């Protein structure tokens, strides 16, 4: 199981954690949502739970619950700026379909 974190995504996570003033990393998961079935969930991680796996790249920890790994295994987390918009991008090889608004996906 692997998740790739680009340098741009790692840099953004570092900035957000520094601005927040605490945290060990960023939690990445999936939740049932939207018209296609699942949506990505991001939140700060202040501590590590027993059922979580840590991926570390570029000095940043990305924390994932073990039950979410099959949905995001092999995914690349990137951060892009396009015009005035900037956001994390989820390049997930497991996605079979997405909804029209791009908020949810199915595997």
N, C-alpha and C. Protein backbone atom coordinates (compact mmCIF):
# COMPACT_ATOMS: atom_id res chain seq x y z
N UNK A 1 0.85 -1.18 0.00
CA UNK A 1 0.00 0.00 0.00
C UNK A 1 0.89 1.24 0.00
N UNK A 2 0.53 2.19 -0.84
CA UNK A 2 1.34 3.41 -0.91
C UNK A 2 0.48 4.60 -1.33
N UNK A 3 0.85 5.74 -0.81
CA UNK A 3 0.26 7.01 -1.22
C UNK A 3 1.42 7.96 -1.48
N UNK A 4 1.37 8.64 -2.60
CA UNK A 4 2.44 9.55 -3.00
C UNK A 4 2.03 10.98 -2.65
N UNK A 5 2.95 11.69 -2.07
CA UNK A 5 2.73 13.09 -1.69
C UNK A 5 3.72 13.92 -2.50
N UNK A 6 3.21 14.82 -3.34
CA UNK A 6 4.12 15.64 -4.15
C UNK A 6 4.77 16.71 -3.28
N UNK A 7 5.85 17.29 -3.79
CA UNK A 7 6.53 18.36 -3.05
C UNK A 7 5.61 19.55 -2.82
N UNK A 8 4.79 19.88 -3.82
CA UNK A 8 3.87 21.02 -3.67
C UNK A 8 2.84 20.75 -2.58
N UNK A 9 2.32 19.53 -2.53
CA UNK A 9 1.35 19.19 -1.49
C UNK A 9 2.01 19.21 -0.12
N UNK A 10 3.21 18.66 -0.03
CA UNK A 10 3.93 18.64 1.25
C UNK A 10 4.21 20.06 1.73
N UNK A 11 4.61 20.93 0.83
CA UNK A 11 4.88 22.32 1.19
C UNK A 11 3.62 23.01 1.73
N UNK A 12 2.50 22.76 1.09
CA UNK A 12 1.24 23.36 1.54
C UNK A 12 0.82 22.82 2.90
N UNK A 13 0.99 21.53 3.11
CA UNK A 13 0.65 20.93 4.40
C UNK A 13 1.52 21.54 5.50
N UNK A 14 2.82 21.67 5.23
CA UNK A 14 3.74 22.30 6.20
C UNK A 14 3.27 23.71 6.55
N UNK A 15 2.91 24.49 5.54
CA UNK A 15 2.45 25.86 5.77
C UNK A 15 1.20 25.88 6.65
N UNK A 16 0.26 24.99 6.36
CA UNK A 16 -0.99 24.96 7.12
C UNK A 16 -0.75 24.54 8.57
N UNK A 17 0.14 23.56 8.78
CA UNK A 17 0.44 23.13 10.14
C UNK A 17 1.16 24.22 10.92
N UNK A 18 2.08 24.93 10.26
CA UNK A 18 2.78 26.04 10.92
C UNK A 18 1.81 27.15 11.29
N UNK A 19 0.90 27.46 10.38
CA UNK A 19 -0.09 28.51 10.65
C UNK A 19 -1.00 28.10 11.82
N UNK A 20 -1.35 26.83 11.86
CA UNK A 20 -2.20 26.31 12.94
C UNK A 20 -1.46 26.29 14.27
N UNK A 21 -0.14 26.05 14.23
CA UNK A 21 0.66 26.06 15.44
C UNK A 21 0.78 24.73 16.15
N UNK A 22 0.17 23.69 15.62
CA UNK A 22 0.28 22.36 16.21
C UNK A 22 -0.17 21.31 15.20
N UNK A 23 0.11 20.05 15.52
CA UNK A 23 -0.29 18.94 14.66
C UNK A 23 0.90 18.13 14.22
N UNK A 24 0.66 16.82 14.04
CA UNK A 24 1.73 15.93 13.60
C UNK A 24 1.68 15.66 12.10
N UNK A 25 0.57 16.02 11.46
CA UNK A 25 0.42 15.77 10.03
C UNK A 25 -1.00 16.03 9.58
N UNK A 26 -1.31 15.47 8.43
CA UNK A 26 -2.64 15.63 7.84
C UNK A 26 -3.29 14.26 7.68
N UNK A 27 -4.55 14.13 8.12
CA UNK A 27 -5.29 12.88 7.94
C UNK A 27 -6.02 12.93 6.61
N UNK A 28 -5.90 11.85 5.86
CA UNK A 28 -6.60 11.69 4.59
C UNK A 28 -7.48 10.47 4.70
N UNK A 29 -8.73 10.61 4.33
CA UNK A 29 -9.65 9.48 4.39
C UNK A 29 -10.75 9.62 3.36
N UNK A 30 -11.67 8.68 3.41
CA UNK A 30 -12.85 8.73 2.56
C UNK A 30 -14.09 8.62 3.44
N UNK A 31 -15.18 9.20 2.96
CA UNK A 31 -16.45 9.09 3.67
C UNK A 31 -17.54 8.89 2.63
N UNK A 32 -18.61 8.23 3.05
CA UNK A 32 -19.74 8.06 2.14
C UNK A 32 -20.40 9.41 1.95
N UNK A 33 -20.53 9.79 0.67
CA UNK A 33 -21.06 11.12 0.39
C UNK A 33 -21.32 11.27 -1.10
N UNK A 34 -22.15 12.24 -1.42
CA UNK A 34 -22.37 12.61 -2.82
C UNK A 34 -23.14 11.59 -3.62
N UNK A 35 -23.27 11.89 -4.89
CA UNK A 35 -24.07 11.05 -5.77
C UNK A 35 -23.30 9.84 -6.30
N UNK A 36 -21.97 9.83 -6.19
CA UNK A 36 -21.19 8.70 -6.69
C UNK A 36 -20.76 7.73 -5.59
N UNK A 37 -20.91 8.10 -4.34
CA UNK A 37 -20.65 7.15 -3.27
C UNK A 37 -19.66 7.59 -2.21
N UNK A 38 -18.49 8.16 -2.60
CA UNK A 38 -17.46 8.52 -1.63
C UNK A 38 -16.90 9.90 -1.92
N UNK A 39 -16.39 10.53 -0.88
CA UNK A 39 -15.70 11.82 -1.01
C UNK A 39 -14.46 11.77 -0.14
N UNK A 40 -13.47 12.55 -0.50
CA UNK A 40 -12.25 12.63 0.29
C UNK A 40 -12.48 13.50 1.51
N UNK A 41 -11.81 13.15 2.60
CA UNK A 41 -11.89 13.93 3.83
C UNK A 41 -10.47 14.25 4.28
N UNK A 42 -10.22 15.53 4.54
CA UNK A 42 -8.92 15.98 5.05
C UNK A 42 -9.14 16.68 6.37
N UNK A 43 -8.27 16.40 7.34
CA UNK A 43 -8.31 17.09 8.62
C UNK A 43 -6.93 17.03 9.25
N UNK A 44 -6.68 17.90 10.20
CA UNK A 44 -5.41 17.90 10.91
C UNK A 44 -5.33 16.69 11.82
N UNK A 45 -4.11 16.18 12.01
CA UNK A 45 -3.88 15.08 12.93
C UNK A 45 -3.03 15.59 14.09
N UNK A 46 -3.55 15.44 15.30
CA UNK A 46 -2.81 15.84 16.49
C UNK A 46 -2.17 14.65 17.19
N UNK A 47 -2.68 13.46 16.90
CA UNK A 47 -2.11 12.24 17.47
C UNK A 47 -2.40 11.08 16.54
N UNK A 48 -1.64 10.01 16.70
CA UNK A 48 -1.78 8.83 15.87
C UNK A 48 -2.60 7.77 16.60
N UNK A 49 -3.56 7.20 15.90
CA UNK A 49 -4.40 6.13 16.46
C UNK A 49 -3.84 4.77 16.03
N UNK A 50 -4.19 3.72 16.76
CA UNK A 50 -3.70 2.37 16.46
C UNK A 50 -4.09 1.88 15.07
N UNK A 51 -5.26 2.28 14.59
CA UNK A 51 -5.75 1.78 13.30
C UNK A 51 -5.35 2.68 12.13
N UNK A 52 -4.28 3.47 12.30
CA UNK A 52 -3.85 4.39 11.24
C UNK A 52 -2.45 4.05 10.75
N UNK A 53 -2.24 4.30 9.46
CA UNK A 53 -0.95 4.09 8.81
C UNK A 53 -0.37 5.44 8.47
N UNK A 54 0.95 5.59 8.63
CA UNK A 54 1.62 6.85 8.35
C UNK A 54 2.45 6.72 7.07
N UNK A 55 2.26 7.67 6.16
CA UNK A 55 3.08 7.80 4.97
C UNK A 55 3.84 9.11 5.14
N UNK A 56 5.15 9.06 4.99
CA UNK A 56 5.94 10.28 5.18
C UNK A 56 6.79 10.55 3.95
N UNK A 57 6.62 11.75 3.39
CA UNK A 57 7.41 12.19 2.25
C UNK A 57 7.68 13.68 2.40
N UNK A 58 8.87 14.09 1.99
CA UNK A 58 9.25 15.51 2.01
C UNK A 58 9.07 16.12 3.39
N UNK A 59 9.28 15.31 4.44
CA UNK A 59 9.21 15.81 5.81
C UNK A 59 7.81 16.01 6.34
N UNK A 60 6.80 15.45 5.67
CA UNK A 60 5.41 15.62 6.09
C UNK A 60 4.77 14.25 6.28
N UNK A 61 3.95 14.13 7.33
CA UNK A 61 3.24 12.88 7.59
C UNK A 61 1.81 12.98 7.06
N UNK A 62 1.43 11.96 6.30
CA UNK A 62 0.07 11.81 5.82
C UNK A 62 -0.46 10.56 6.51
N UNK A 63 -1.56 10.71 7.23
CA UNK A 63 -2.08 9.64 8.09
C UNK A 63 -3.41 9.14 7.52
N UNK A 64 -3.52 7.81 7.39
CA UNK A 64 -4.70 7.19 6.78
C UNK A 64 -5.20 6.05 7.65
N UNK A 65 -6.52 6.00 7.89
CA UNK A 65 -7.10 4.86 8.59
C UNK A 65 -6.94 3.63 7.71
N UNK A 66 -6.61 2.51 8.32
CA UNK A 66 -6.38 1.28 7.57
C UNK A 66 -7.60 0.86 6.75
N UNK A 67 -8.79 1.13 7.25
CA UNK A 67 -10.01 0.75 6.52
C UNK A 67 -10.21 1.58 5.25
N UNK A 68 -9.56 2.75 5.14
CA UNK A 68 -9.67 3.60 3.95
C UNK A 68 -8.62 3.29 2.89
N UNK A 69 -7.57 2.56 3.26
CA UNK A 69 -6.47 2.29 2.33
C UNK A 69 -6.90 1.64 1.01
N UNK A 70 -7.80 0.66 1.00
CA UNK A 70 -8.17 0.06 -0.28
C UNK A 70 -8.77 1.05 -1.28
N UNK A 71 -9.38 2.12 -0.80
CA UNK A 71 -10.00 3.11 -1.68
C UNK A 71 -9.00 4.10 -2.26
N UNK A 72 -7.85 4.27 -1.58
CA UNK A 72 -6.91 5.30 -2.01
C UNK A 72 -5.49 4.76 -2.25
N UNK A 73 -5.31 3.45 -2.24
CA UNK A 73 -4.00 2.87 -2.47
C UNK A 73 -3.48 3.29 -3.85
N UNK A 74 -2.25 3.78 -3.89
CA UNK A 74 -1.64 4.21 -5.14
C UNK A 74 -1.95 5.63 -5.53
N UNK A 75 -2.70 6.34 -4.70
CA UNK A 75 -3.09 7.71 -5.01
C UNK A 75 -1.93 8.68 -4.87
N UNK A 76 -1.95 9.71 -5.69
CA UNK A 76 -1.01 10.82 -5.56
C UNK A 76 -1.80 12.04 -5.06
N UNK A 77 -1.32 12.63 -3.96
CA UNK A 77 -1.92 13.85 -3.45
C UNK A 77 -1.04 15.00 -3.91
N UNK A 78 -1.63 15.91 -4.67
CA UNK A 78 -0.92 17.05 -5.24
C UNK A 78 -1.60 18.33 -4.79
N UNK A 79 -0.95 19.45 -5.01
CA UNK A 79 -1.53 20.76 -4.71
C UNK A 79 -1.26 21.64 -5.91
N UNK A 80 -2.32 22.21 -6.48
CA UNK A 80 -2.17 23.01 -7.69
C UNK A 80 -2.86 24.35 -7.58
N UNK A 81 -2.27 25.28 -8.27
CA UNK A 81 -2.86 26.61 -8.41
C UNK A 81 -3.21 26.79 -9.88
N UNK A 82 -4.47 27.08 -10.14
CA UNK A 82 -4.95 27.30 -11.51
C UNK A 82 -5.70 28.62 -11.52
N UNK A 83 -5.07 29.65 -12.06
CA UNK A 83 -5.67 30.98 -12.02
C UNK A 83 -5.73 31.46 -10.59
N UNK A 84 -6.91 31.85 -10.15
CA UNK A 84 -7.07 32.31 -8.77
C UNK A 84 -7.46 31.18 -7.82
N UNK A 85 -7.66 29.99 -8.35
CA UNK A 85 -8.05 28.85 -7.53
C UNK A 85 -6.82 28.00 -7.18
N UNK A 86 -6.81 27.52 -5.95
CA UNK A 86 -5.78 26.59 -5.53
C UNK A 86 -6.41 25.56 -4.61
N UNK A 87 -5.96 24.30 -4.77
CA UNK A 87 -6.57 23.23 -3.98
C UNK A 87 -5.75 21.96 -4.09
N UNK A 88 -5.99 21.04 -3.15
CA UNK A 88 -5.40 19.72 -3.25
C UNK A 88 -6.08 18.98 -4.39
N UNK A 89 -5.30 18.17 -5.09
CA UNK A 89 -5.81 17.34 -6.18
C UNK A 89 -5.54 15.89 -5.83
N UNK A 90 -6.54 15.06 -6.03
CA UNK A 90 -6.47 13.65 -5.70
C UNK A 90 -6.39 12.84 -6.99
N UNK A 91 -5.22 12.34 -7.32
CA UNK A 91 -5.02 11.52 -8.52
C UNK A 91 -5.06 10.06 -8.09
N UNK A 92 -6.27 9.50 -8.12
CA UNK A 92 -6.54 8.19 -7.55
C UNK A 92 -6.79 7.17 -8.66
N UNK A 93 -5.90 6.16 -8.82
CA UNK A 93 -6.08 5.16 -9.87
C UNK A 93 -7.25 4.20 -9.62
N UNK A 94 -7.82 4.21 -8.43
CA UNK A 94 -8.93 3.32 -8.09
C UNK A 94 -10.30 3.86 -8.51
N UNK A 95 -10.36 5.12 -8.86
CA UNK A 95 -11.64 5.75 -9.20
C UNK A 95 -12.15 5.22 -10.54
N UNK A 96 -13.38 4.75 -10.52
CA UNK A 96 -14.02 4.25 -11.74
C UNK A 96 -14.96 5.27 -12.36
N UNK A 97 -15.51 6.16 -11.52
CA UNK A 97 -16.42 7.20 -12.01
C UNK A 97 -16.48 8.34 -11.00
N UNK A 98 -16.78 9.52 -11.50
CA UNK A 98 -16.98 10.69 -10.62
C UNK A 98 -18.32 11.32 -10.95
N UNK A 99 -18.82 12.10 -10.01
CA UNK A 99 -20.08 12.80 -10.27
C UNK A 99 -19.79 14.04 -11.11
N UNK A 100 -20.82 14.66 -11.63
CA UNK A 100 -20.68 15.83 -12.49
C UNK A 100 -20.02 17.01 -11.81
N UNK A 101 -20.25 17.17 -10.53
CA UNK A 101 -19.66 18.32 -9.83
C UNK A 101 -18.24 18.04 -9.35
N UNK A 102 -17.79 16.79 -9.43
CA UNK A 102 -16.43 16.44 -9.05
C UNK A 102 -16.23 16.26 -7.56
N UNK A 103 -17.29 16.28 -6.76
CA UNK A 103 -17.16 16.16 -5.32
C UNK A 103 -17.10 14.73 -4.82
N UNK A 104 -17.61 13.78 -5.58
CA UNK A 104 -17.62 12.40 -5.11
C UNK A 104 -17.16 11.45 -6.21
N UNK A 105 -16.85 10.22 -5.80
CA UNK A 105 -16.32 9.23 -6.73
C UNK A 105 -16.80 7.85 -6.34
N UNK A 106 -16.64 6.89 -7.27
CA UNK A 106 -16.92 5.49 -6.96
C UNK A 106 -15.71 4.66 -7.35
N UNK A 107 -15.59 3.51 -6.67
CA UNK A 107 -14.45 2.62 -6.95
C UNK A 107 -14.95 1.27 -7.40
